[in-house]
Amino acid sequence: VVAVHISTPRGQIFSICAQKVFRVWDIKLQVCLQVLTGCFPRGPLASTRIHFDETRERLWAAFNNQVQSM
């Protein structure tokens, strides 16, 4: 895992691993709710950040010099 965001109000954890797999986890049930692959830029994963905007319910992911909204 290279990036993690914990959303306490939603009871979820968002994670991205080195293989560029994005996962949404349920904290209470301790299970993976969703898996996303193939939607991230190609190339090496040098720098990764994720942020969930609780107000707008929007996830932002930054990969090297590219930003994506999900």
C-alpha atoms as a PDB file:
ATOM      1  CA  VAL A   1       0.000   0.000   0.000  1.00  0.00           C
ATOM      2  CA  VAL A   2       1.447   3.331  -1.094  1.00  0.00           C
ATOM      3  CA  ALA A   3      -1.423   5.685  -0.133  1.00  0.00           C
ATOM      4  CA  VAL A   4      -4.279   5.540   2.398  1.00  0.00           C
ATOM      5  CA  HIS A   5      -7.146   7.842   3.365  1.00  0.00           C
ATOM      6  CA  ILE A   6      -9.455   7.093   6.297  1.00  0.00           C
ATOM      7  CA  SER A   7     -12.989   8.504   6.093  1.00  0.00           C
ATOM      8  CA  THR A   8     -14.346   8.219   9.624  1.00  0.00           C
ATOM      9  CA  PRO A   9     -17.824   9.656   8.818  1.00  0.00           C
ATOM     10  CA  ARG A  10     -18.288   7.087   6.025  1.00  0.00           C
ATOM     11  CA  GLY A  11     -16.633   4.280   7.972  1.00  0.00           C
ATOM     12  CA  GLN A  12     -14.371   3.542   5.013  1.00  0.00           C
ATOM     13  CA  ILE A  13     -10.704   3.364   4.100  1.00  0.00           C
ATOM     14  CA  PHE A  14      -9.424   4.173   0.596  1.00  0.00           C
ATOM     15  CA  SER A  15      -6.121   2.598  -0.451  1.00  0.00           C
ATOM     16  CA  ILE A  16      -3.849   2.376  -3.492  1.00  0.00           C
ATOM     17  CA  CYS A  17      -1.119  -0.254  -3.826  1.00  0.00           C
ATOM     18  CA  ALA A  18       2.079  -0.270  -5.904  1.00  0.00           C
ATOM     19  CA  GLN A  19       0.299  -2.307  -8.598  1.00  0.00           C
ATOM     20  CA  LYS A  20      -2.098   0.689  -9.070  1.00  0.00           C
ATOM     21  CA  VAL A  21      -5.097  -1.087  -7.586  1.00  0.00           C
ATOM     22  CA  PHE A  22      -7.544   1.197  -5.769  1.00  0.00           C
ATOM     23  CA  ARG A  23      -9.670  -0.354  -3.017  1.00  0.00           C
ATOM     24  CA  VAL A  24     -12.493   0.819  -0.779  1.00  0.00           C
ATOM     25  CA  TRP A  25     -12.654  -0.939   2.591  1.00  0.00           C
ATOM     26  CA  ASP A  26     -15.421  -1.054   5.196  1.00  0.00           C
ATOM     27  CA  ILE A  27     -13.890  -0.355   8.607  1.00  0.00           C
ATOM     28  CA  LYS A  28     -16.609  -2.036  10.676  1.00  0.00           C
ATOM     29  CA  LEU A  29     -16.962  -5.190   8.557  1.00  0.00           C
ATOM     30  CA  GLN A  30     -13.229  -5.294   7.651  1.00  0.00           C
ATOM     31  CA  VAL A  31     -13.978  -6.247   4.038  1.00  0.00           C
ATOM     32  CA  CYS A  32     -13.122  -4.807   0.651  1.00  0.00           C
ATOM     33  CA  LEU A  33     -16.196  -3.155  -0.893  1.00  0.00           C
ATOM     34  CA  GLN A  34     -14.825  -2.156  -4.293  1.00  0.00           C
ATOM     35  CA  VAL A  35     -11.728  -2.648  -6.470  1.00  0.00           C
ATOM     36  CA  LEU A  36     -10.712  -0.370  -9.365  1.00  0.00           C
ATOM     37  CA  THR A  37      -7.906  -1.170 -11.803  1.00  0.00           C
ATOM     38  CA  GLY A  38      -6.822   0.156 -15.177  1.00  0.00           C
ATOM     39  CA  CYS A  39      -7.929   3.738 -14.547  1.00  0.00           C
ATOM     40  CA  PHE A  40      -4.532   5.097 -13.537  1.00  0.00           C
ATOM     41  CA  PRO A  41      -1.680   6.482 -15.658  1.00  0.00           C
ATOM     42  CA  ARG A  42       0.913   4.108 -17.083  1.00  0.00           C
ATOM     43  CA  GLY A  43       4.520   4.215 -15.974  1.00  0.00           C
ATOM     44  CA  PRO A  44       6.313   3.964 -12.652  1.00  0.00           C
ATOM     45  CA  LEU A  45       4.485   4.954  -9.486  1.00  0.00           C
ATOM     46  CA  ALA A  46       6.921   7.455  -7.945  1.00  0.00           C
ATOM     47  CA  SER A  47       4.584   9.659  -5.887  1.00  0.00           C
ATOM     48  CA  THR A  48       0.981   8.941  -4.933  1.00  0.00           C
ATOM     49  CA  ARG A  49      -1.492  10.843  -2.758  1.00  0.00           C
ATOM     50  CA  ILE A  50      -5.231  10.411  -2.197  1.00  0.00           C
ATOM     51  CA  HIS A  51      -7.766  12.698  -0.518  1.00  0.00           C
ATOM     52  CA  PHE A  52     -11.508  12.301  -0.016  1.00  0.00           C
ATOM     53  CA  ASP A  53     -13.509  15.541   0.116  1.00  0.00           C
ATOM     54  CA  GLU A  54     -16.225  14.695   2.660  1.00  0.00           C
ATOM     55  CA  THR A  55     -18.362  17.733   1.742  1.00  0.00           C
ATOM     56  CA  ARG A  56     -18.491  17.038  -1.990  1.00  0.00           C
ATOM     57  CA  GLU A  57     -18.077  13.250  -1.641  1.00  0.00           C
ATOM     58  CA  ARG A  58     -15.298  13.341  -4.222  1.00  0.00           C
ATOM     59  CA  LEU A  59     -12.066  11.339  -4.193  1.00  0.00           C
ATOM     60  CA  TRP A  60      -8.905  12.954  -5.552  1.00  0.00           C
ATOM     61  CA  ALA A  61      -5.876  10.867  -6.505  1.00  0.00           C
ATOM     62  CA  ALA A  62      -2.505  12.275  -7.580  1.00  0.00           C
ATOM     63  CA  PHE A  63       0.006  10.104  -9.436  1.00  0.00           C
ATOM     64  CA  ASN A  64       3.376  11.746 -10.047  1.00  0.00           C
ATOM     65  CA  ASN A  65       2.284  14.937 -11.910  1.00  0.00           C
ATOM     66  CA  GLN A  66      -1.298  13.888 -12.770  1.00  0.00           C
ATOM     67  CA  VAL A  67      -4.452  14.465 -10.724  1.00  0.00           C
ATOM     68  CA  GLN A  68      -7.683  12.484 -11.113  1.00  0.00           C
ATOM     69  CA  SER A  69     -11.103  12.987  -9.619  1.00  0.00           C
ATOM     70  CA  MET A  70     -13.225   9.909  -8.951  1.00  0.00           C
END
